[in-house]
Every structure is written in structure tokens, then in C-alpha cells.
Amino acid sequence: MLKEERFEIILTQLKEKTKVTFEELATSLQVSEDTVRRDIEVLHRNGLLSKVRGGAILREKDPLSFHDRQSFSADEKNVIALKVQPFIKDGMTVFMDGGTTITAAAHDMPANIRLRVITNNMSLIPVLSKFKNIELVVLGGNYDPDLAVTAGPATCHEASQYITDLFIMGTCAVDGVFGISATSDVDAETKKTMIQSSKKIIALADQNKLRRTEPFKICSISDIHILITDLPADDSELEPLRNSAIQII
């Protein structure tokens, strides 16, 4: 079977099921799972589908609702959550915005850490309320149930009133040429405001977010200080990002 024929079958199955796994595709195509992974990677890079752990989902299904996304790439999120911990220090004022990876990072913080956390991420409220030494500031604005965040002019205005030591930023897409981008214009504006008000910016991106773009640009790669992914720092997937003067972890 030609590669192009496999692509057609993969995309047809996605339209029927909205999600496919490497295992079921390998069976239906009668090829190895490694071949399927390579095919999925090509289709992902061409914007025809989105990779998730163990398979792929329809491009238009990404982003899913916040609660749906919690079940995808859980292992990758946990790796990133551990990598970010050394950068969170006692006494800091920290922006944390939306995303399931941000929530995973918050779960892993030391129980006795002393912070002021400013966030528009509503899912962080039950997590951070368990930390007795964290002052939690929740930004107002219009609530987006799909992203589980507040956003809009009120959110940006309130965020602009702070100067933070650190902004831990969730991402939708990271590309070496086009920078960091978002699926929502109001989400992009919130992130821009937080970037402008922060001394250090750490962007979190699992491997499914790399070499991707979304319609609304947030910033160039050079505008952040650190990029944390679930990949080893020397992984070839990160090569397009190495020309920028950022730390990759």
C-alpha cells in the first residue's frame, strides 16, 4: 500500500471516529505501529490532524474542552510538571494561566511553599486552596468553559496591575519560526499581558504542541526565557528551536 493511500485511510477513519489509536490503525492498515507513528507525524506537521498520546484526533477537535484534555498526554504533563519545580521559589509572585499542564505543575509543588499566585485558571482554585502558604489571586473577566479560564478586557486590566517574578505559561502551539500561538484571541491577549508584566517567562509544551501554529500569535520564541517539554533536551524534535537564545529543558 502506498503511503498516500495510508494517509487517506487514516483521515477517513478519523472523520468516522474522531479519535484513532496506533494499535487499531496498524491492524487495519496491516503495517507496524512504528509506520503508523511516522504517518501520524507527517499528517500532524501538515495540520491535518493532532497527535495525542497513543494516537490522533481530528484537527478541529483540538482544543477539546478542558476536562477532555485532562485525559490526553497525562505522562507528558507529569514530566513537565516535575521539570518546572526547581524554578518556583519561596516568596515569589507568579502568574499561572490556563491549561491542564499548568494544573499538573501546581499539584507537584511542595506543600509548604510560600507564594502569591495570580491566575485566570479556574481549575487551579481547588488545587491551590489546599496550600496553606499560598496567597491566591483570581482574575475576573468572562468565563470560557472550554478552556476553564477567565478572559477579556477585565482579565487583562487586572493582570496588568501586577509585576511578577515568574510567568508559567501553558501553550497551544510552539514553532521555531512563528513563535508561540493560541487558538483564542482573548486567551492570546491574556498571555501577552502576563508576559509584559513578568520578569521571567517559562513556556510549557508537550511534544504534541511542537512544530505547530494556531491563528493568534502570542510572542516570538525569543520573548520567553525557558521552554520546558517532556522530551530530553537533546531530542531532534527540538532542533528548530535551538537557534533562539532560550534555555530548553
Protein backbone atom coordinates (compact mmCIF):
# COMPACT_ATOMS: atom_id res chain seq x y z
CA MET A 1 0.00 0.00 0.00
CA LEU A 2 1.32 3.46 -0.92
CA LYS A 3 1.97 5.99 1.81
CA GLU A 4 -0.62 8.35 0.33
CA GLU A 5 -3.21 5.57 0.49
CA ARG A 6 -2.45 5.05 4.17
CA PHE A 7 -2.89 8.78 4.77
CA GLU A 8 -6.32 8.67 3.13
CA ILE A 9 -7.41 5.72 5.25
CA ILE A 10 -6.18 7.34 8.47
CA LEU A 11 -8.04 10.57 7.75
CA THR A 12 -11.20 8.69 6.73
CA GLN A 13 -11.17 6.71 9.99
CA LEU A 14 -10.66 9.92 11.96
CA LYS A 15 -13.70 11.52 10.35
CA GLU A 16 -15.78 8.48 11.32
CA LYS A 17 -14.46 8.06 14.89
CA THR A 18 -12.88 11.48 15.80
CA LYS A 19 -10.05 9.56 17.55
CA VAL A 20 -7.88 6.62 16.44
CA THR A 21 -5.11 4.69 18.16
CA PHE A 22 -1.79 3.49 16.76
CA GLU A 23 -2.77 -0.10 17.52
CA GLU A 24 -6.07 -0.09 15.63
CA LEU A 25 -4.54 1.73 12.66
CA ALA A 26 -1.67 -0.75 12.47
CA THR A 27 -4.20 -3.59 12.38
CA SER A 28 -6.42 -2.04 9.73
CA LEU A 29 -3.50 -0.94 7.55
CA GLN A 30 -1.54 -4.17 8.13
CA VAL A 31 1.65 -2.27 8.94
CA SER A 32 3.76 -1.81 12.07
CA GLU A 33 2.89 0.71 14.78
CA ASP A 34 6.19 2.48 14.00
CA THR A 35 4.97 3.04 10.44
CA VAL A 36 1.69 4.40 11.77
CA ARG A 37 3.54 6.74 14.14
CA ARG A 38 5.56 8.14 11.23
CA ASP A 39 2.41 8.61 9.16
CA ILE A 40 0.67 10.39 12.04
CA GLU A 41 3.71 12.64 12.48
CA VAL A 42 3.60 13.69 8.80
CA LEU A 43 -0.13 14.39 8.93
CA HIS A 44 0.29 16.28 12.21
CA ARG A 45 3.02 18.51 10.80
CA ASN A 46 0.81 19.30 7.80
CA GLY A 47 -2.05 20.34 10.05
CA LEU A 48 -4.40 17.53 9.02
CA LEU A 49 -4.78 16.00 12.49
CA SER A 50 -3.48 16.40 16.03
CA LYS A 51 -1.29 13.89 17.83
CA VAL A 52 -2.33 12.70 21.27
CA ARG A 53 -0.83 10.03 23.46
CA GLY A 54 -1.40 6.67 21.76
CA GLY A 55 -2.96 8.01 18.59
CA ALA A 56 -4.55 11.03 16.94
CA ILE A 57 -7.68 13.18 17.00
CA LEU A 58 -9.38 15.33 14.39
CA ARG A 59 -7.70 18.71 13.93
CA GLU A 60 -10.97 20.57 14.54
CA LYS A 61 -11.40 18.68 17.83
CA ASP A 62 -8.31 20.42 19.25
CA PRO A 63 -8.54 22.07 21.67
CA LEU A 64 -11.07 19.83 23.35
CA SER A 65 -12.82 21.01 26.45
CA PHE A 66 -10.60 21.38 29.50
CA HIS A 67 -12.00 18.20 31.08
CA ASP A 68 -11.49 16.17 27.88
CA ARG A 69 -7.89 17.35 27.57
CA GLN A 70 -7.06 16.18 31.08
CA SER A 71 -7.11 12.56 29.88
CA PHE A 72 -4.67 13.17 27.00
CA SER A 73 -0.86 13.13 27.33
CA ALA A 74 -1.01 12.63 31.10
CA ASP A 75 2.50 11.15 31.28
CA GLU A 76 3.95 14.05 29.29
CA LYS A 77 2.26 16.59 31.55
CA ASN A 78 3.68 14.88 34.64
CA VAL A 79 7.23 15.03 33.25
CA ILE A 80 6.86 18.74 32.53
CA ALA A 81 5.32 19.34 35.96
CA LEU A 82 8.41 17.89 37.65
CA LYS A 83 10.84 19.82 35.43
CA VAL A 84 9.29 23.18 36.31
CA GLN A 85 9.52 22.75 40.10
CA PRO A 86 13.15 23.98 40.57
CA PHE A 87 12.17 27.36 39.11
CA ILE A 88 9.40 28.03 41.63
CA LYS A 89 10.96 29.61 44.72
CA ASP A 90 9.63 30.66 48.12
CA GLY A 91 8.46 34.28 48.23
CA MET A 92 7.77 34.62 44.51
CA THR A 93 4.78 36.29 42.90
CA VAL A 94 3.79 34.03 40.00
CA PHE A 95 1.38 34.21 37.08
CA MET A 96 -0.14 30.83 36.17
CA ASP A 97 -2.56 30.85 33.26
CA GLY A 98 -4.84 28.20 31.77
CA GLY A 99 -4.17 24.63 30.77
CA THR A 100 -4.03 21.12 32.13
CA THR A 101 -0.22 21.14 32.21
CA ILE A 102 -0.31 24.18 34.50
CA THR A 103 -2.68 22.32 36.80
CA ALA A 104 -0.31 19.33 36.88
CA ALA A 105 2.58 21.64 37.80
CA ALA A 106 0.58 23.15 40.66
CA HIS A 107 -0.22 19.68 42.04
CA ASP A 108 3.50 18.90 42.32
CA MET A 109 4.59 21.98 44.29
CA PRO A 110 5.93 21.45 47.83
CA ALA A 111 3.14 21.52 50.43
CA ASN A 112 4.83 24.26 52.48
CA ILE A 113 5.85 26.58 49.61
CA ARG A 114 5.16 30.30 50.14
CA LEU A 115 3.88 32.05 47.02
CA ARG A 116 1.49 34.61 45.68
CA VAL A 117 -0.21 33.04 42.63
CA ILE A 118 -2.21 35.22 40.25
CA THR A 119 -4.32 33.24 37.82
CA ASN A 120 -7.27 33.19 35.43
CA ASN A 121 -7.31 29.37 35.58
CA MET A 122 -10.41 28.32 37.49
CA SER A 123 -9.23 24.71 37.79
CA LEU A 124 -6.36 25.92 39.98
CA ILE A 125 -8.66 27.15 42.74
CA PRO A 126 -9.38 23.72 44.32
CA VAL A 127 -5.74 22.70 43.84
CA LEU A 128 -4.07 25.78 45.34
CA SER A 129 -6.63 26.25 48.12
CA LYS A 130 -5.01 23.22 49.80
CA PHE A 131 -1.67 25.06 50.14
CA LYS A 132 -1.83 26.98 53.41
CA ASN A 133 1.04 29.35 52.50
CA ILE A 134 -0.16 30.35 49.03
CA GLU A 135 -1.96 33.66 48.55
CA LEU A 136 -4.28 33.03 45.62
CA VAL A 137 -5.44 35.95 43.46
CA VAL A 138 -8.14 35.05 40.92
CA LEU A 139 -8.54 37.37 37.95
CA GLY A 140 -12.03 38.42 36.88
CA GLY A 141 -13.42 38.52 33.36
CA ASN A 142 -15.64 36.42 31.13
CA TYR A 143 -15.53 32.69 31.87
CA ASP A 144 -14.69 30.32 29.00
CA PRO A 145 -15.96 26.83 29.94
CA ASP A 146 -13.95 25.09 27.20
CA LEU A 147 -10.63 26.49 28.43
CA ALA A 148 -11.71 26.81 32.09
CA VAL A 149 -10.30 30.35 32.25
CA THR A 150 -11.46 33.92 32.55
CA ALA A 151 -10.53 36.18 29.65
CA GLY A 152 -11.29 39.52 28.07
CA PRO A 153 -10.53 43.20 28.81
CA ALA A 154 -11.26 42.90 32.55
CA THR A 155 -8.84 39.97 32.90
CA CYS A 156 -6.08 41.82 31.05
CA HIS A 157 -6.63 45.02 33.03
CA GLU A 158 -6.41 43.21 36.37
CA ALA A 159 -3.32 41.25 35.29
CA SER A 160 -1.59 44.45 34.18
CA GLN A 161 -1.71 45.79 37.73
CA TYR A 162 0.90 43.26 38.91
CA ILE A 163 4.62 42.74 38.39
CA THR A 164 5.55 39.07 38.82
CA ASP A 165 8.81 37.23 39.29
CA LEU A 166 7.68 34.40 37.06
CA PHE A 167 5.03 33.60 34.45
CA ILE A 168 4.41 29.87 33.96
CA MET A 169 2.59 29.81 30.64
CA GLY A 170 0.57 27.00 29.14
CA THR A 171 0.73 26.76 25.35
CA CYS A 172 -1.35 25.55 22.41
CA ALA A 173 1.37 25.68 19.76
CA VAL A 174 5.12 26.34 19.60
CA ASP A 175 7.04 26.83 16.35
CA GLY A 176 10.65 27.82 15.77
CA VAL A 177 9.75 30.32 13.05
CA PHE A 178 6.33 31.66 14.04
CA GLY A 179 6.74 31.52 17.80
CA ILE A 180 4.02 30.75 20.34
CA SER A 181 0.38 30.99 19.27
CA ALA A 182 -3.12 30.35 20.62
CA THR A 183 -6.47 29.10 19.39
CA SER A 184 -8.33 32.02 21.00
CA ASP A 185 -7.71 35.73 20.51
CA VAL A 186 -8.76 36.62 24.06
CA ASP A 187 -6.52 33.89 25.50
CA ALA A 188 -3.63 35.28 23.44
CA GLU A 189 -4.27 38.77 24.81
CA THR A 190 -4.22 37.48 28.40
CA LYS A 191 -0.88 35.77 27.82
CA LYS A 192 0.58 38.90 26.18
CA THR A 193 -0.41 40.98 29.20
CA MET A 194 1.16 38.50 31.60
CA ILE A 195 4.36 38.42 29.54
CA GLN A 196 4.63 42.20 29.68
CA SER A 197 4.24 42.16 33.47
CA SER A 198 6.70 39.34 34.24
CA LYS A 199 10.46 39.27 34.87
CA LYS A 200 10.88 35.66 33.67
CA ILE A 201 8.67 33.60 31.33
CA ILE A 202 8.61 29.81 31.26
CA ALA A 203 6.55 28.19 28.50
CA LEU A 204 5.31 24.61 28.97
CA ALA A 205 4.73 22.47 25.87
CA ASP A 206 4.42 18.72 25.49
CA GLN A 207 5.70 17.20 22.25
CA ASN A 208 2.24 17.39 20.64
CA LYS A 209 2.41 21.21 20.76
CA LEU A 210 5.75 21.49 18.94
CA ARG A 211 6.09 22.46 15.27
CA ARG A 212 2.53 23.71 15.32
CA THR A 213 0.88 27.07 14.82
CA GLU A 214 -2.52 28.47 15.73
CA PRO A 215 -4.18 31.62 14.34
CA PHE A 216 -3.37 34.08 17.15
CA LYS A 217 0.26 34.95 17.79
CA ILE A 218 1.34 35.49 21.40
CA CYS A 219 5.06 36.12 21.09
CA SER A 220 8.28 35.10 19.37
CA ILE A 221 10.35 32.28 20.82
CA SER A 222 13.00 34.83 21.80
CA ASP A 223 10.44 36.60 24.04
CA ILE A 224 10.46 33.74 26.54
CA HIS A 225 13.35 32.66 28.74
CA ILE A 226 12.77 28.92 29.20
CA LEU A 227 10.91 26.24 27.25
CA ILE A 228 10.07 23.07 29.17
CA THR A 229 8.91 19.98 27.28
CA ASP A 230 8.53 16.29 28.09
CA LEU A 231 11.33 15.46 25.63
CA PRO A 232 15.01 15.05 26.52
CA ALA A 233 16.83 18.35 25.97
CA ASP A 234 18.91 16.81 23.14
CA ASP A 235 15.91 15.38 21.23
CA SER A 236 15.95 16.09 17.48
CA GLU A 237 12.37 17.40 17.67
CA LEU A 238 13.78 20.46 19.44
CA GLU A 239 16.36 21.31 16.76
CA PRO A 240 14.25 24.07 15.12
CA LEU A 241 14.18 25.89 18.48
CA ARG A 242 17.90 25.80 19.22
CA ASN A 243 18.85 28.93 17.25
CA SER A 244 16.95 31.11 19.72
CA ALA A 245 18.66 32.31 22.88
CA ILE A 246 16.38 30.41 25.25
CA GLN A 247 17.00 27.61 27.69
CA ILE A 248 15.39 24.32 26.64
CA ILE A 249 14.70 21.79 29.39
